[in-house]
Amino acid sequence: MTEIHTPRLLLRRWTDDDLIPMAEVNADPAVMRWIRDGAVLDLEQTAEAIERWEEEWDDEGFGLFAVELLGSGELIGFTGLSVPGFLPEVLPAVEIGWRLGRQFWGQGYASEAAHAAMEFALQDRGLDRLVSICRVENRASENVMRKLGMALDRETVHPVHGHALHVHAIDLTEYQA
């Protein structure tokens, strides 16, 4: 089982116990505001998403990590790697992304977890480039991208939902862990 420890977090594969807390994250309109069309996800949709994330681990050798607080074991959301199939113009590519419960925003957890996932991409999976994609107005995610050393690669439009997107990228051969 792939696990990564940071000073405050554990990044790990998904378990059945993660369904309810992740569904709570996905049910928050503030969290989902910048995701796809902004619609929240229910319990069944969250279960399907977790199943897809685990399948990506099996198919690609990487995926989205469940992120929990080391001190309490509480699930706070996810971070990790995925293939951004929804945006064919950037393929082939691997995206680094994150989604945390609102009560965990502004505490540096997204950056901490994403740094660990980036090191995993470089050191354990041998990837040489990552992208990160967000809606243009999502300043908080863009701040995390900058902290990761990513630079704006292109502006484009979501092919289904029509909103403007920023694609940031980093060449991992130049990344200093």
C-alpha atoms as a PDB file:
ATOM      1  CA  MET A   1       0.000   0.000   0.000  1.00  0.00           C
ATOM      2  CA  THR A   2       1.355   3.395  -1.014  1.00  0.00           C
ATOM      3  CA  GLU A   3       1.583   5.817   1.899  1.00  0.00           C
ATOM      4  CA  ILE A   4       3.321   9.158   2.267  1.00  0.00           C
ATOM      5  CA  HIS A   5       3.846  10.929   5.572  1.00  0.00           C
ATOM      6  CA  THR A   6       4.356  14.675   5.807  1.00  0.00           C
ATOM      7  CA  PRO A   7       4.807  16.602   9.053  1.00  0.00           C
ATOM      8  CA  ARG A   8       1.013  16.848   9.548  1.00  0.00           C
ATOM      9  CA  LEU A   9      -0.598  14.535   7.001  1.00  0.00           C
ATOM     10  CA  LEU A  10      -0.882  10.976   5.797  1.00  0.00           C
ATOM     11  CA  LEU A  11      -1.492  10.421   2.083  1.00  0.00           C
ATOM     12  CA  ARG A  12      -2.811   6.916   1.435  1.00  0.00           C
ATOM     13  CA  ARG A  13      -5.082   4.740  -0.672  1.00  0.00           C
ATOM     14  CA  TRP A  14      -8.838   4.837  -0.091  1.00  0.00           C
ATOM     15  CA  THR A  15     -10.773   2.679   2.395  1.00  0.00           C
ATOM     16  CA  ASP A  16     -14.485   2.076   2.949  1.00  0.00           C
ATOM     17  CA  ASP A  17     -14.332   4.386   5.983  1.00  0.00           C
ATOM     18  CA  ASP A  18     -13.499   7.324   3.708  1.00  0.00           C
ATOM     19  CA  LEU A  19     -16.848   7.360   1.891  1.00  0.00           C
ATOM     20  CA  ILE A  20     -18.900   9.371   4.408  1.00  0.00           C
ATOM     21  CA  PRO A  21     -16.297  12.075   5.156  1.00  0.00           C
ATOM     22  CA  MET A  22     -15.446  12.490   1.453  1.00  0.00           C
ATOM     23  CA  ALA A  23     -19.156  12.686   0.620  1.00  0.00           C
ATOM     24  CA  GLU A  24     -19.433  15.502   3.180  1.00  0.00           C
ATOM     25  CA  VAL A  25     -16.620  17.378   1.410  1.00  0.00           C
ATOM     26  CA  ASN A  26     -18.297  16.828  -1.976  1.00  0.00           C
ATOM     27  CA  ALA A  27     -21.691  17.965  -0.636  1.00  0.00           C
ATOM     28  CA  ASP A  28     -20.398  21.439   0.284  1.00  0.00           C
ATOM     29  CA  PRO A  29     -21.307  24.021  -2.390  1.00  0.00           C
ATOM     30  CA  ALA A  30     -18.329  26.185  -1.412  1.00  0.00           C
ATOM     31  CA  VAL A  31     -15.924  23.290  -2.039  1.00  0.00           C
ATOM     32  CA  MET A  32     -17.532  22.293  -5.324  1.00  0.00           C
ATOM     33  CA  ARG A  33     -17.900  25.868  -6.612  1.00  0.00           C
ATOM     34  CA  TRP A  34     -14.834  25.549  -8.860  1.00  0.00           C
ATOM     35  CA  ILE A  35     -15.291  21.883  -9.871  1.00  0.00           C
ATOM     36  CA  ARG A  36     -16.899  21.047 -13.253  1.00  0.00           C
ATOM     37  CA  ASP A  37     -20.286  22.849 -13.286  1.00  0.00           C
ATOM     38  CA  GLY A  38     -20.235  23.584  -9.543  1.00  0.00           C
ATOM     39  CA  ALA A  39     -22.791  20.909  -8.652  1.00  0.00           C
ATOM     40  CA  VAL A  40     -22.344  19.041  -5.386  1.00  0.00           C
ATOM     41  CA  LEU A  41     -21.994  15.266  -5.338  1.00  0.00           C
ATOM     42  CA  ASP A  42     -24.149  12.931  -3.272  1.00  0.00           C
ATOM     43  CA  LEU A  43     -23.094   9.757  -1.450  1.00  0.00           C
ATOM     44  CA  GLU A  44     -23.582   7.499  -4.479  1.00  0.00           C
ATOM     45  CA  GLN A  45     -21.656   9.847  -6.788  1.00  0.00           C
ATOM     46  CA  THR A  46     -18.841  10.048  -4.244  1.00  0.00           C
ATOM     47  CA  ALA A  47     -18.708   6.243  -4.009  1.00  0.00           C
ATOM     48  CA  GLU A  48     -18.460   6.056  -7.806  1.00  0.00           C
ATOM     49  CA  ALA A  49     -15.693   8.676  -7.797  1.00  0.00           C
ATOM     50  CA  ILE A  50     -13.662   6.826  -5.168  1.00  0.00           C
ATOM     51  CA  GLU A  51     -14.059   3.645  -7.194  1.00  0.00           C
ATOM     52  CA  ARG A  52     -12.743   5.455 -10.311  1.00  0.00           C
ATOM     53  CA  TRP A  53      -9.829   6.891  -8.325  1.00  0.00           C
ATOM     54  CA  GLU A  54      -8.870   3.444  -7.085  1.00  0.00           C
ATOM     55  CA  GLU A  55      -9.158   2.028 -10.626  1.00  0.00           C
ATOM     56  CA  GLU A  56      -6.752   4.729 -11.819  1.00  0.00           C
ATOM     57  CA  TRP A  57      -4.252   3.541  -9.208  1.00  0.00           C
ATOM     58  CA  ASP A  58      -4.560   0.026 -10.615  1.00  0.00           C
ATOM     59  CA  ASP A  59      -4.410   1.142 -14.270  1.00  0.00           C
ATOM     60  CA  GLU A  60      -1.804   3.920 -14.110  1.00  0.00           C
ATOM     61  CA  GLY A  61       0.273   3.192 -11.003  1.00  0.00           C
ATOM     62  CA  PHE A  62      -0.718   6.543  -9.534  1.00  0.00           C
ATOM     63  CA  GLY A  63      -3.903   8.234  -8.427  1.00  0.00           C
ATOM     64  CA  LEU A  64      -5.601  10.467  -5.919  1.00  0.00           C
ATOM     65  CA  PHE A  65      -4.536   9.927  -2.322  1.00  0.00           C
ATOM     66  CA  ALA A  66      -6.950  10.130   0.577  1.00  0.00           C
ATOM     67  CA  VAL A  67      -5.466  12.791   2.888  1.00  0.00           C
ATOM     68  CA  GLU A  68      -5.866  12.500   6.635  1.00  0.00           C
ATOM     69  CA  LEU A  69      -4.589  14.491   9.584  1.00  0.00           C
ATOM     70  CA  LEU A  70      -1.854  12.574  11.371  1.00  0.00           C
ATOM     71  CA  GLY A  71      -2.945  13.714  14.818  1.00  0.00           C
ATOM     72  CA  SER A  72      -6.602  12.712  14.588  1.00  0.00           C
ATOM     73  CA  GLY A  73      -6.861  10.357  11.611  1.00  0.00           C
ATOM     74  CA  GLU A  74      -9.611  12.602  10.220  1.00  0.00           C
ATOM     75  CA  LEU A  75     -10.047  12.530   6.430  1.00  0.00           C
ATOM     76  CA  ILE A  76      -9.718  16.078   5.091  1.00  0.00           C
ATOM     77  CA  GLY A  77      -9.985  15.410   1.336  1.00  0.00           C
ATOM     78  CA  PHE A  78      -7.662  14.313  -1.448  1.00  0.00           C
ATOM     79  CA  THR A  79      -4.571  15.223  -3.396  1.00  0.00           C
ATOM     80  CA  GLY A  80      -2.673  13.367  -6.035  1.00  0.00           C
ATOM     81  CA  LEU A  81      -2.247  12.523  -9.667  1.00  0.00           C
ATOM     82  CA  SER A  82      -4.722  11.794 -12.447  1.00  0.00           C
ATOM     83  CA  VAL A  83      -4.983  11.838 -16.210  1.00  0.00           C
ATOM     84  CA  PRO A  84      -7.050  14.927 -17.177  1.00  0.00           C
ATOM     85  CA  GLY A  85      -9.145  13.183 -19.811  1.00  0.00           C
ATOM     86  CA  PHE A  86     -11.779  15.933 -19.638  1.00  0.00           C
ATOM     87  CA  LEU A  87      -9.320  18.288 -21.399  1.00  0.00           C
ATOM     88  CA  PRO A  88      -7.988  16.393 -24.432  1.00  0.00           C
ATOM     89  CA  GLU A  89      -5.910  19.334 -25.691  1.00  0.00           C
ATOM     90  CA  VAL A  90      -3.346  18.855 -22.868  1.00  0.00           C
ATOM     91  CA  LEU A  91      -2.972  15.093 -23.333  1.00  0.00           C
ATOM     92  CA  PRO A  92      -0.825  13.184 -22.871  1.00  0.00           C
ATOM     93  CA  ALA A  93      -0.467  14.668 -19.399  1.00  0.00           C
ATOM     94  CA  VAL A  94      -0.688  13.925 -15.708  1.00  0.00           C
ATOM     95  CA  GLU A  95      -2.480  16.439 -13.506  1.00  0.00           C
ATOM     96  CA  ILE A  96      -1.804  17.168  -9.871  1.00  0.00           C
ATOM     97  CA  GLY A  97      -4.941  18.186  -8.007  1.00  0.00           C
ATOM     98  CA  TRP A  98      -6.504  18.550  -4.577  1.00  0.00           C
ATOM     99  CA  ARG A  99      -9.862  18.985  -2.871  1.00  0.00           C
ATOM    100  CA  LEU A 100     -10.137  19.653   0.855  1.00  0.00           C
ATOM    101  CA  GLY A 101     -13.039  20.226   3.183  1.00  0.00           C
ATOM    102  CA  ARG A 102     -13.701  23.921   3.766  1.00  0.00           C
ATOM    103  CA  GLN A 103     -12.764  23.741   7.459  1.00  0.00           C
ATOM    104  CA  PHE A 104      -9.220  22.767   6.352  1.00  0.00           C
ATOM    105  CA  TRP A 105      -8.662  25.683   3.979  1.00  0.00           C
ATOM    106  CA  GLY A 106      -6.069  28.355   4.713  1.00  0.00           C
ATOM    107  CA  GLN A 107      -3.855  26.136   6.881  1.00  0.00           C
ATOM    108  CA  GLY A 108      -1.304  25.059   4.289  1.00  0.00           C
ATOM    109  CA  TYR A 109      -2.611  21.500   4.016  1.00  0.00           C
ATOM    110  CA  ALA A 110      -3.216  21.650   0.250  1.00  0.00           C
ATOM    111  CA  SER A 111       0.327  22.859  -0.405  1.00  0.00           C
ATOM    112  CA  GLU A 112       1.841  20.342   2.009  1.00  0.00           C
ATOM    113  CA  ALA A 113      -0.047  17.428   0.486  1.00  0.00           C
ATOM    114  CA  ALA A 114       0.549  18.562  -3.099  1.00  0.00           C
ATOM    115  CA  HIS A 115       4.297  18.940  -2.491  1.00  0.00           C
ATOM    116  CA  ALA A 116       4.363  15.346  -1.256  1.00  0.00           C
ATOM    117  CA  ALA A 117       2.379  14.172  -4.282  1.00  0.00           C
ATOM    118  CA  MET A 118       4.744  16.057  -6.584  1.00  0.00           C
ATOM    119  CA  GLU A 119       7.771  14.347  -5.018  1.00  0.00           C
ATOM    120  CA  PHE A 120       5.965  11.011  -5.455  1.00  0.00           C
ATOM    121  CA  ALA A 121       5.412  11.817  -9.151  1.00  0.00           C
ATOM    122  CA  LEU A 122       9.081  12.634  -9.678  1.00  0.00           C
ATOM    123  CA  GLN A 123      10.879  10.186  -7.429  1.00  0.00           C
ATOM    124  CA  ASP A 124       8.580   7.158  -7.319  1.00  0.00           C
ATOM    125  CA  ARG A 125       6.812   7.304 -10.674  1.00  0.00           C
ATOM    126  CA  GLY A 126       9.494   8.947 -12.799  1.00  0.00           C
ATOM    127  CA  LEU A 127       7.163  11.494 -14.372  1.00  0.00           C
ATOM    128  CA  ASP A 128       8.891  14.397 -16.068  1.00  0.00           C
ATOM    129  CA  ARG A 129       6.051  16.936 -16.258  1.00  0.00           C
ATOM    130  CA  LEU A 130       2.867  17.764 -14.368  1.00  0.00           C
ATOM    131  CA  VAL A 131      -0.016  20.081 -15.120  1.00  0.00           C
ATOM    132  CA  SER A 132      -2.635  21.533 -12.828  1.00  0.00           C
ATOM    133  CA  ILE A 133      -5.925  22.885 -14.112  1.00  0.00           C
ATOM    134  CA  CYS A 134      -8.328  25.315 -12.484  1.00  0.00           C
ATOM    135  CA  ARG A 135     -10.998  27.832 -13.337  1.00  0.00           C
ATOM    136  CA  VAL A 136      -9.545  31.260 -13.967  1.00  0.00           C
ATOM    137  CA  GLU A 137     -11.269  32.780 -10.918  1.00  0.00           C
ATOM    138  CA  ASN A 138      -9.973  30.144  -8.468  1.00  0.00           C
ATOM    139  CA  ARG A 139      -7.252  32.226  -6.818  1.00  0.00           C
ATOM    140  CA  ALA A 140      -6.697  29.813  -3.904  1.00  0.00           C
ATOM    141  CA  SER A 141      -5.794  26.923  -6.214  1.00  0.00           C
ATOM    142  CA  GLU A 142      -3.595  29.180  -8.327  1.00  0.00           C
ATOM    143  CA  ASN A 143      -1.731  30.172  -5.148  1.00  0.00           C
ATOM    144  CA  VAL A 144      -1.059  26.496  -4.412  1.00  0.00           C
ATOM    145  CA  MET A 145       0.156  26.024  -7.993  1.00  0.00           C
ATOM    146  CA  ARG A 146       2.606  28.904  -7.594  1.00  0.00           C
ATOM    147  CA  LYS A 147       3.853  27.452  -4.299  1.00  0.00           C
ATOM    148  CA  LEU A 148       4.537  24.215  -6.185  1.00  0.00           C
ATOM    149  CA  GLY A 149       6.709  26.140  -8.660  1.00  0.00           C
ATOM    150  CA  MET A 150       4.219  25.787 -11.497  1.00  0.00           C
ATOM    151  CA  ALA A 151       3.850  28.456 -14.168  1.00  0.00           C
ATOM    152  CA  LEU A 152       0.920  29.358 -16.381  1.00  0.00           C
ATOM    153  CA  ASP A 153       1.132  27.218 -19.519  1.00  0.00           C
ATOM    154  CA  ARG A 154      -2.080  28.232 -21.287  1.00  0.00           C
ATOM    155  CA  GLU A 155      -5.573  29.604 -20.929  1.00  0.00           C
ATOM    156  CA  THR A 156      -8.337  27.558 -22.482  1.00  0.00           C
ATOM    157  CA  VAL A 157     -12.036  26.794 -22.128  1.00  0.00           C
ATOM    158  CA  HIS A 158     -13.650  23.769 -20.503  1.00  0.00           C
ATOM    159  CA  PRO A 159     -14.963  21.718 -23.439  1.00  0.00           C
ATOM    160  CA  VAL A 160     -18.227  20.786 -21.683  1.00  0.00           C
ATOM    161  CA  HIS A 161     -19.003  23.592 -19.232  1.00  0.00           C
ATOM    162  CA  GLY A 162     -17.581  26.504 -21.234  1.00  0.00           C
ATOM    163  CA  HIS A 163     -15.789  28.356 -18.441  1.00  0.00           C
ATOM    164  CA  ALA A 164     -12.261  29.728 -18.761  1.00  0.00           C
ATOM    165  CA  LEU A 165      -9.475  27.528 -17.415  1.00  0.00           C
ATOM    166  CA  HIS A 166      -5.845  28.111 -16.539  1.00  0.00           C
ATOM    167  CA  VAL A 167      -3.433  25.245 -17.140  1.00  0.00           C
ATOM    168  CA  HIS A 168      -0.258  25.488 -15.068  1.00  0.00           C
ATOM    169  CA  ALA A 169       2.720  23.217 -15.666  1.00  0.00           C
ATOM    170  CA  ILE A 170       6.088  22.263 -14.250  1.00  0.00           C
ATOM    171  CA  ASP A 171       8.940  20.349 -15.803  1.00  0.00           C
ATOM    172  CA  LEU A 172       9.916  17.943 -13.046  1.00  0.00           C
ATOM    173  CA  THR A 173      13.460  17.604 -14.385  1.00  0.00           C
ATOM    174  CA  GLU A 174      13.944  21.137 -13.024  1.00  0.00           C
ATOM    175  CA  TYR A 175      11.981  20.604  -9.794  1.00  0.00           C
ATOM    176  CA  GLN A 176      13.926  20.807  -6.572  1.00  0.00           C
ATOM    177  CA  ALA A 177      12.247  18.728  -3.860  1.00  0.00           C
END
